Amino acid sequence: MTLRRLMVIALLASPLTAYAGTAQQSDFDFPAPTASATPKKLWATHYYVNTVASVPTGIPLRDAAGNALSDNISPRDWCLSAIEGTVQVSQGNTRRTLNYAGTGTQQVDCAATLKIDARKKPWIKSTGKSYFEVAKGPFGDGVNGYQLVPLRTIAVDSSVIPYGTVVYIAAARGVMVDVDGEKIRHDGYFFAGDAGGGVKGNHVDVFCGATSANCLPGVVASDDKHTFDAVVITDADITRRLRAAHGRTSP
């Protein structure tokens, strides 16, 4: 998974109503593309909003100034949330969505906590230095002001797929997916609205929402040998509508 976006879900009011508990088939009903384009070979992992419970003793998630943004959570949940980049957690009587917002001072030794060999996975060293901020979107925020949308947002390497790009994955078209309890037939379109420290080259990371389960098993294999064809879509109407679903009306 990727080290960057930590959020706590707080179903905030936003233009993403259709994706925040009332998903409909019409939200995933774009027609198949007619124009041909040179396909890219991609491979995929998935990420999600990490939902955690408060504990009597532990450590809160903090902002850059050191202010607690959550109740205490276990060191393990703290580290897993930092790795995913998304987390759902309580503060008092409310639940909030927090985004990973950078690194500061060491708070948790995540290598020791998760028993990860830092020599093989050096990124784990900075995980315990993470700090956060309250998200604007109901499922958290990506890059450039975009808000995350389950089963639409993908994290990308912007040198391969620029942010704000619509990508069509034929292998995802027609796959039955679960969006907030609603069974939806996916139309194959995704939006490059997020980044990730571990997302490089032809790797994309599919945002699955509030489930840790693989939401697209026919596409997501977490194996760089398992590739699929994807094409960049330039249709102005589809781009505009997916950009708006991600909280923006302009590039």
Foldseek 3Di string as FASTA:
>chain_A
DFAWWEWAFFQDDALQVCQSQNPDQVVQDDADDDDDDDWDKFAEAAAEAAEFEADPDADAAAAPVRHGPAHGGHLQSLLVSRRRQYYWGHHPPGIFIKGWDDFDDADHQQCVVVVNDCVVVVVSRRSRRIHIDTAPHSQGFAPPQFADGAQAEKAADCVAPNALWKKFFVQQAQDWFARNNDTYGHHRIHGHGHHGPPHDDRYMYGYHYHDPDDRRVSRHDVDRVDIGIMGIDDPPVVSQVVRVSRPDRDD
